Amino acid sequence: MQLEFFDVPSPCIGVCQSNDKGYCLGCFRSREERQQWLNLTSDDKQKVIKRCQQRKKRKDGVKKVKEEEVKTEVVQPSLLDAPVKNKVSTSEDLDFGDFEL
């Protein structure tokens, strides 16, 4: 254990709304952790902050997976968009070595 000269500051960022699991959307503390913050020791406060960081990483990881799933969707082009011009292949790109007439 290291010496503590200053109290551990609250991770609160002023959002103060709970998600469906009961964790704050701003600091990721549970209701009990928020209510007991002033009564916790410095060691316990640091443990709470580590748990909050883990919760945030898990949430961000789930968010990234969902974003990747959305990216894999095939989007049909709109008829109102300008037509996409395809690149015309040159004879240098094609290999006619096995072609017979």
Protein backbone atom coordinates (compact mmCIF):
# COMPACT_ATOMS: atom_id res chain seq x y z
CA MET A 1 0.00 0.00 0.00
CA GLN A 2 1.30 3.45 -0.84
CA LEU A 3 0.85 6.57 1.25
CA GLU A 4 -2.14 8.69 0.34
CA PHE A 5 -1.70 12.43 0.76
CA PHE A 6 -4.83 13.44 -1.17
CA ASP A 7 -8.28 11.99 -1.25
CA VAL A 8 -9.29 10.11 -4.40
CA PRO A 9 -11.55 12.43 -6.46
CA SER A 10 -14.98 11.30 -7.53
CA PRO A 11 -15.16 10.02 -11.13
CA CYS A 12 -18.51 11.80 -11.57
CA ILE A 13 -18.75 13.85 -14.79
CA GLY A 14 -22.25 15.18 -14.11
CA VAL A 15 -24.29 12.94 -16.43
CA CYS A 16 -26.13 11.17 -13.57
CA GLN A 17 -28.39 8.83 -15.55
CA SER A 18 -28.55 5.07 -15.09
CA ASN A 19 -28.53 2.42 -17.81
CA ASP A 20 -30.65 -0.74 -17.74
CA LYS A 21 -28.10 -2.47 -15.47
CA GLY A 22 -28.13 0.36 -12.92
CA TYR A 23 -24.72 1.82 -13.76
CA CYS A 24 -24.28 5.55 -14.27
CA LEU A 25 -23.93 6.48 -17.96
CA GLY A 26 -21.24 9.03 -17.08
CA CYS A 27 -18.94 7.40 -14.52
CA PHE A 28 -20.12 3.73 -14.69
CA ARG A 29 -20.57 3.45 -10.90
CA SER A 30 -23.41 1.41 -9.44
CA ARG A 31 -26.03 3.08 -7.30
CA GLU A 32 -24.45 1.69 -4.13
CA GLU A 33 -21.00 2.88 -5.19
CA ARG A 34 -22.35 6.39 -5.79
CA GLN A 35 -24.20 6.51 -2.47
CA GLN A 36 -21.29 5.17 -0.40
CA TRP A 37 -18.51 7.16 -2.10
CA LEU A 38 -17.91 9.56 0.80
CA ASN A 39 -17.74 6.68 3.30
CA LEU A 40 -15.25 4.56 1.30
CA THR A 41 -11.54 4.37 2.09
CA SER A 42 -9.01 5.53 -0.51
CA ASP A 43 -8.21 1.90 -1.38
CA ASP A 44 -11.89 1.11 -1.88
CA LYS A 45 -12.32 4.23 -4.03
CA GLN A 46 -9.44 3.14 -6.26
CA LYS A 47 -11.02 -0.32 -6.59
CA VAL A 48 -14.32 1.28 -7.60
CA ILE A 49 -12.54 3.39 -10.22
CA LYS A 50 -10.84 0.26 -11.65
CA ARG A 51 -14.21 -1.50 -11.86
CA CYS A 52 -15.66 1.55 -13.61
CA GLN A 53 -12.82 1.48 -16.15
CA GLN A 54 -13.50 -2.22 -16.81
CA ARG A 55 -17.21 -1.53 -17.27
CA LYS A 56 -16.43 1.25 -19.74
CA LYS A 57 -14.09 -1.02 -21.73
CA ARG A 58 -16.75 -3.74 -21.88
CA LYS A 59 -19.35 -1.22 -23.06
CA ASP A 60 -16.99 0.19 -25.70
CA GLY A 61 -16.13 -3.35 -26.85
CA VAL A 62 -19.80 -4.22 -27.32
CA LYS A 63 -20.30 -0.94 -29.16
CA LYS A 64 -17.43 -1.71 -31.57
CA VAL A 65 -18.83 -5.17 -32.32
CA LYS A 66 -22.23 -3.67 -33.11
CA GLU A 67 -20.61 -1.06 -35.38
CA GLU A 68 -18.76 -3.81 -37.27
CA GLU A 69 -22.03 -5.71 -37.72
CA VAL A 70 -23.63 -2.60 -39.20
CA LYS A 71 -20.69 -2.10 -41.57
CA THR A 72 -21.14 -5.59 -43.03
CA GLU A 73 -24.66 -4.80 -44.25
CA VAL A 74 -25.04 -4.46 -48.01
CA VAL A 75 -26.46 -1.06 -48.86
CA GLN A 76 -28.32 -0.78 -52.13
CA PRO A 77 -27.41 2.39 -53.99
CA SER A 78 -30.13 4.96 -54.41
CA LEU A 79 -31.54 5.72 -57.83
CA LEU A 80 -31.07 9.39 -57.00
CA ASP A 81 -27.28 9.05 -56.59
CA ALA A 82 -24.97 9.80 -59.47
CA PRO A 83 -23.97 6.65 -61.36
CA VAL A 84 -20.66 5.09 -60.39
CA LYS A 85 -18.25 4.81 -63.29
CA ASN A 86 -16.47 1.48 -63.39
CA LYS A 87 -12.79 1.32 -64.26
CA VAL A 88 -12.21 -0.09 -67.73
CA SER A 89 -9.62 -2.85 -67.77
CA THR A 90 -6.67 -2.52 -70.10
CA SER A 91 -4.99 -5.40 -71.87
CA GLU A 92 -2.12 -5.14 -69.39
CA ASP A 93 -4.52 -6.21 -66.60
CA LEU A 94 -5.76 -9.28 -68.50
CA ASP A 95 -3.91 -12.55 -69.06
CA PHE A 96 -4.85 -14.22 -72.34
CA GLY A 97 -2.15 -16.93 -72.16
CA ASP A 98 -4.63 -19.84 -72.24
CA PHE A 99 -7.03 -18.29 -74.77
CA GLU A 100 -7.49 -20.11 -78.10
CA LEU A 101 -9.58 -19.28 -81.16
